[in-house]
Amino acid sequence: LNFTAVFSVNSCRGRVVDEASTQQMAQRAQYENSCEVGVFAKLTNSYCLTAMGSSQNFFSLFEAELAQHIPVVQTSIAGGRIIGRMTVGNKNGLVVPSTTTDQELLHLRNSLPDGVLIQRVEERLSALGNVVCCNDHVALVHTELDRETEEIISDVLGVEAFRQTIAGNALVGSYCCLNNQGALVHPKTPVEDQDELSALVQLPVTAGTVNRGSDVIGAGMVVNDWCAFCGLDTTATELQVVESIFKLQDAQPAGVANDMRNALLDQLA
């Protein structure tokens, strides 16, 4: 009897910790020995992709945090592990390069939610994650991206696309990170450019770094509307900036806020 009581208390405590942990949502992660989380993962509001690797720890971290809310899928793109740099996606869709194999495409179609469109594109700038940065409403694209690719991205992802540079860099996907609440850009982006970008995407924009001073924001982290994963070298100050600009402190996955409210009402009743 005592054992049962202790077990039930511990399991309840575990549940409380889980719910609390969904509120503090910028975390550090590492893929094997690399802090470039955004190279090996793609995170959106409706799914998460992680690279296949010799270690399961990276996948397990994402799965523990996200599996209750969205599918976490291990995959490769063109047989490689740099899936975050090769693909671009949001809650509506996923665009992959033409080098993606039929088997990989089939695996993605079977694993992602029904409403998510998946499209292969023939594009010279095939590292799509480096040349496109998007949220669920807007996309910033490389100035030399094919018109046809731009149209496919707009259609599949349901976004408005803008040709843009970040601090003079054409690789917008590498030097910018977006969710539906804010944007983090290259630390040397002039204030006027930040204001212009903010007006364009209709979101607050701030300049910052990840991984203890790295300016490659897109490769160093992934974010959606309620959580972020940054490289293991990211400092506490950098994490604070990430949580602040992406408004992660107040954010919760769809349904978690309702569950917590219902649980509270049950207790009161």
Protein backbone atom coordinates (compact mmCIF):
# COMPACT_ATOMS: atom_id res chain seq x y z
CA LEU A 1 0.00 0.00 0.00
CA ASN A 2 2.78 2.39 0.98
CA PHE A 3 4.67 1.51 -2.21
CA THR A 4 1.58 2.28 -4.30
CA ALA A 5 1.12 5.61 -2.53
CA VAL A 6 4.76 6.59 -3.07
CA PHE A 7 4.59 5.51 -6.73
CA SER A 8 1.44 7.52 -7.40
CA VAL A 9 2.91 10.62 -5.73
CA ASN A 10 6.10 10.28 -7.80
CA SER A 11 4.18 9.80 -11.04
CA CYS A 12 2.07 12.87 -10.26
CA ARG A 13 5.23 14.80 -9.51
CA GLY A 14 6.66 13.69 -12.87
CA ARG A 15 3.56 14.96 -14.62
CA VAL A 16 3.86 18.37 -12.90
CA VAL A 17 7.52 18.60 -13.93
CA ASP A 18 6.56 17.76 -17.53
CA GLU A 19 3.98 20.53 -17.63
CA ALA A 20 6.32 23.02 -16.01
CA SER A 21 9.07 22.09 -18.48
CA THR A 22 6.84 23.00 -21.41
CA GLN A 23 7.00 26.62 -20.20
CA GLN A 24 10.80 27.07 -19.98
CA MET A 25 11.49 26.25 -23.56
CA ALA A 26 14.96 27.17 -24.77
CA GLN A 27 17.22 24.16 -24.38
CA ARG A 28 20.76 23.17 -25.26
CA ALA A 29 21.46 20.18 -27.50
CA GLN A 30 24.38 18.56 -29.30
CA TYR A 31 24.55 16.28 -32.32
CA GLU A 32 27.42 13.88 -31.68
CA ASN A 33 30.24 16.44 -31.21
CA SER A 34 28.60 19.33 -33.06
CA CYS A 35 26.74 22.29 -31.58
CA GLU A 36 25.21 23.16 -34.96
CA VAL A 37 21.70 21.97 -34.05
CA GLY A 38 20.11 23.71 -37.04
CA VAL A 39 22.25 21.65 -39.41
CA PHE A 40 20.96 18.30 -38.13
CA ALA A 41 17.33 19.15 -37.29
CA LYS A 42 14.28 20.93 -38.75
CA LEU A 43 11.60 22.08 -36.31
CA THR A 44 8.13 23.41 -37.18
CA ASN A 45 4.78 23.71 -35.39
CA SER A 46 3.45 20.47 -36.89
CA TYR A 47 6.51 18.17 -37.14
CA CYS A 48 10.21 17.82 -36.34
CA LEU A 49 12.89 16.14 -38.46
CA THR A 50 16.19 14.93 -36.99
CA ALA A 51 19.19 13.38 -38.73
CA MET A 52 20.03 9.72 -38.45
CA GLY A 53 23.22 9.25 -36.47
CA SER A 54 25.33 6.81 -34.52
CA SER A 55 24.02 8.29 -31.28
CA GLN A 56 20.33 8.27 -30.28
CA ASN A 57 20.73 11.03 -27.67
CA PHE A 58 19.96 13.88 -30.07
CA PHE A 59 16.74 12.25 -31.32
CA SER A 60 15.76 11.24 -27.77
CA LEU A 61 16.05 14.83 -26.51
CA PHE A 62 13.71 16.11 -29.24
CA GLU A 63 11.37 13.16 -28.77
CA ALA A 64 11.13 13.64 -24.99
CA GLU A 65 10.24 17.30 -25.44
CA LEU A 66 8.01 17.15 -28.52
CA ALA A 67 6.53 13.67 -29.04
CA GLN A 68 3.37 14.50 -27.04
CA HIS A 69 2.58 17.33 -29.42
CA ILE A 70 4.08 16.66 -32.86
CA PRO A 71 5.73 13.72 -34.69
CA VAL A 72 9.53 13.56 -34.40
CA VAL A 73 10.95 11.81 -37.46
CA GLN A 74 14.46 10.51 -38.08
CA THR A 75 15.42 10.81 -41.74
CA SER A 76 18.21 11.50 -44.21
CA ILE A 77 18.16 13.74 -47.30
CA ALA A 78 20.11 12.53 -50.36
CA GLY A 79 21.70 9.98 -48.03
CA GLY A 80 23.20 12.78 -45.93
CA ARG A 81 22.66 13.94 -42.36
CA ILE A 82 22.58 17.73 -42.86
CA ILE A 83 18.79 17.74 -43.17
CA GLY A 84 18.34 21.15 -41.54
CA ARG A 85 20.41 22.80 -44.26
CA MET A 86 18.92 20.84 -47.16
CA THR A 87 15.21 21.36 -46.44
CA VAL A 88 12.82 24.22 -45.76
CA GLY A 89 9.46 23.78 -44.09
CA ASN A 90 6.71 25.11 -41.83
CA LYS A 91 3.47 23.72 -40.37
CA ASN A 92 1.90 23.64 -43.88
CA GLY A 93 4.58 21.86 -45.88
CA LEU A 94 8.12 20.71 -46.52
CA VAL A 95 10.25 21.46 -49.60
CA VAL A 96 13.19 19.14 -50.31
CA PRO A 97 15.92 19.20 -52.99
CA SER A 98 15.78 17.07 -56.15
CA THR A 99 18.58 14.85 -54.77
CA THR A 100 16.15 13.44 -52.18
CA THR A 101 15.62 9.74 -52.96
CA ASP A 102 12.21 8.18 -53.62
CA GLN A 103 12.60 6.06 -50.50
CA GLU A 104 13.30 9.14 -48.32
CA LEU A 105 10.32 10.95 -49.85
CA LEU A 106 8.05 7.97 -49.16
CA HIS A 107 9.31 7.75 -45.58
CA LEU A 108 8.55 11.47 -45.06
CA ARG A 109 5.08 11.19 -46.62
CA ASN A 110 4.27 8.25 -44.32
CA SER A 111 5.65 9.93 -41.20
CA LEU A 112 4.42 13.54 -41.42
CA PRO A 113 0.85 14.65 -40.58
CA ASP A 114 -1.77 14.34 -43.36
CA GLY A 115 -2.15 18.08 -43.93
CA VAL A 116 1.57 18.65 -44.58
CA LEU A 117 2.45 18.94 -48.29
CA ILE A 118 5.83 17.61 -49.43
CA GLN A 119 7.44 18.75 -52.67
CA ARG A 120 10.77 18.06 -54.40
CA VAL A 121 12.30 20.99 -56.31
CA GLU A 122 14.94 21.20 -59.02
CA GLU A 123 17.12 24.08 -57.80
CA ARG A 124 20.75 25.10 -58.42
CA LEU A 125 21.01 26.40 -54.83
CA SER A 126 20.13 22.97 -53.46
CA ALA A 127 20.88 23.64 -49.77
CA LEU A 128 17.41 25.11 -49.33
CA GLY A 129 17.82 25.61 -45.57
CA ASN A 130 20.69 28.03 -46.23
CA VAL A 131 18.85 30.10 -48.83
CA VAL A 132 15.33 30.26 -47.36
CA CYS A 133 14.15 31.26 -43.88
CA CYS A 134 10.45 31.06 -43.10
CA ASN A 135 7.69 30.88 -40.53
CA ASP A 136 4.03 29.97 -41.17
CA HIS A 137 3.27 33.28 -42.97
CA VAL A 138 6.36 34.74 -44.65
CA ALA A 139 9.59 33.49 -46.25
CA LEU A 140 12.85 35.35 -46.82
CA VAL A 141 14.65 33.94 -49.85
CA HIS A 142 18.09 34.26 -51.48
CA THR A 143 18.19 37.00 -54.12
CA GLU A 144 19.30 34.52 -56.83
CA LEU A 145 16.77 31.76 -56.14
CA ASP A 146 14.86 30.54 -59.23
CA ARG A 147 11.45 32.18 -59.77
CA GLU A 148 9.93 28.73 -60.14
CA THR A 149 11.39 27.59 -56.79
CA GLU A 150 10.12 30.78 -55.15
CA GLU A 151 6.61 30.05 -56.45
CA ILE A 152 6.75 26.42 -55.27
CA ILE A 153 7.86 27.58 -51.80
CA SER A 154 5.01 30.11 -51.69
CA ASP A 155 2.43 27.50 -52.76
CA VAL A 156 3.59 24.51 -50.71
CA LEU A 157 4.35 26.45 -47.52
CA GLY A 158 1.48 28.92 -47.91
CA VAL A 159 3.75 31.93 -47.40
CA GLU A 160 4.53 35.27 -49.02
CA ALA A 161 8.15 35.25 -50.25
CA PHE A 162 10.52 38.24 -50.14
CA ARG A 163 14.00 38.37 -51.71
CA GLN A 164 16.29 39.66 -49.00
CA THR A 165 19.82 39.79 -47.59
CA ILE A 166 20.85 39.75 -43.91
CA ALA A 167 23.74 42.09 -42.99
CA GLY A 168 24.86 41.91 -46.65
CA ASN A 169 24.75 38.09 -46.65
CA ALA A 170 22.62 36.41 -49.32
CA LEU A 171 22.33 33.21 -47.23
CA VAL A 172 19.24 34.33 -45.33
CA GLY A 173 18.56 30.82 -43.99
CA SER A 174 21.99 30.69 -42.35
CA TYR A 175 21.94 34.11 -40.73
CA CYS A 176 18.30 34.42 -39.62
CA CYS A 177 15.86 32.40 -37.55
CA LEU A 178 12.08 33.02 -37.56
CA ASN A 179 9.02 31.83 -35.74
CA ASN A 180 5.53 33.42 -35.69
CA GLN A 181 6.44 35.69 -32.78
CA GLY A 182 9.86 37.11 -33.63
CA ALA A 183 13.12 36.96 -35.60
CA LEU A 184 16.77 36.65 -34.59
CA VAL A 185 19.33 37.90 -37.12
CA HIS A 186 23.12 38.21 -37.66
CA PRO A 187 24.73 40.34 -34.89
CA LYS A 188 26.16 42.84 -37.41
CA THR A 189 22.78 43.66 -38.97
CA PRO A 190 22.40 47.49 -38.91
CA VAL A 191 19.46 48.87 -36.89
CA GLU A 192 17.91 50.37 -40.08
CA ASP A 193 17.98 46.91 -41.71
CA GLN A 194 16.41 45.37 -38.62
CA ASP A 195 13.60 47.96 -38.73
CA GLU A 196 13.08 47.35 -42.45
CA LEU A 197 12.99 43.58 -41.89
CA SER A 198 10.61 44.01 -38.97
CA ALA A 199 8.19 46.00 -41.14
CA LEU A 200 8.48 43.37 -43.89
CA VAL A 201 7.73 40.31 -41.73
CA GLN A 202 5.50 42.21 -39.28
CA LEU A 203 7.43 40.86 -36.29
CA PRO A 204 9.92 42.17 -33.73
CA VAL A 205 13.50 41.61 -34.93
CA THR A 206 16.67 41.59 -32.85
CA ALA A 207 20.34 40.90 -33.60
CA GLY A 208 22.11 38.22 -31.59
CA THR A 209 24.33 35.15 -31.49
CA VAL A 210 24.19 31.50 -30.44
CA ASN A 211 26.89 28.98 -29.41
CA ARG A 212 28.98 31.53 -27.52
CA GLY A 213 29.26 34.18 -30.22
CA SER A 214 28.49 32.32 -33.45
CA ASP A 215 26.76 34.55 -36.02
CA VAL A 216 25.41 31.57 -37.98
CA ILE A 217 22.01 31.70 -36.25
CA GLY A 218 20.13 29.35 -38.60
CA ALA A 219 22.73 26.58 -38.27
CA GLY A 220 23.13 27.02 -34.51
CA MET A 221 19.51 26.65 -33.43
CA VAL A 222 15.96 25.57 -34.33
CA VAL A 223 12.76 27.14 -33.03
CA ASN A 224 8.99 26.88 -33.32
CA ASP A 225 6.26 28.81 -31.50
CA TRP A 226 6.76 27.16 -28.12
CA CYS A 227 10.28 25.79 -27.89
CA ALA A 228 13.84 26.25 -29.13
CA PHE A 229 16.93 24.04 -29.22
CA CYS A 230 20.32 25.78 -29.33
CA GLY A 231 23.84 24.34 -29.46
CA LEU A 232 25.50 23.12 -26.26
CA ASP A 233 27.94 26.09 -26.26
CA THR A 234 25.09 28.65 -26.11
CA THR A 235 25.48 30.93 -23.07
CA ALA A 236 22.77 31.74 -20.54
CA THR A 237 22.56 35.29 -21.91
CA GLU A 238 22.10 34.02 -25.47
CA LEU A 239 19.37 31.63 -24.29
CA GLN A 240 17.66 34.54 -22.54
CA VAL A 241 17.68 36.58 -25.77
CA VAL A 242 16.27 33.58 -27.68
CA GLU A 243 13.47 33.08 -25.13
CA SER A 244 12.71 36.79 -25.15
CA ILE A 245 12.59 37.51 -28.91
CA PHE A 246 10.71 34.31 -29.77
CA LYS A 247 8.35 34.86 -26.78
CA LEU A 248 8.89 31.33 -25.49
CA GLN A 249 8.32 32.11 -21.79
CA ASP A 250 4.57 32.55 -22.25
CA ALA A 251 4.19 30.04 -25.09
CA GLN A 252 2.77 26.56 -24.81
CA PRO A 253 1.97 23.92 -27.40
CA ALA A 254 -1.61 23.93 -28.63
CA GLY A 255 -3.68 21.98 -26.16
CA VAL A 256 -1.25 22.13 -23.21
CA ALA A 257 -2.73 25.41 -21.93
CA ASN A 258 -6.23 23.91 -22.15
CA ASP A 259 -5.12 20.68 -20.45
CA MET A 260 -3.57 22.64 -17.59
CA ARG A 261 -6.68 24.80 -17.24
CA ASN A 262 -8.94 21.73 -17.24
CA ALA A 263 -6.74 20.02 -14.64
CA LEU A 264 -6.96 23.11 -12.47
CA LEU A 265 -10.76 23.20 -12.81
CA ASP A 266 -10.92 19.49 -11.92
CA GLN A 267 -8.94 20.16 -8.77
CA LEU A 268 -11.18 23.09 -7.82
CA ALA A 269 -14.28 20.99 -8.48
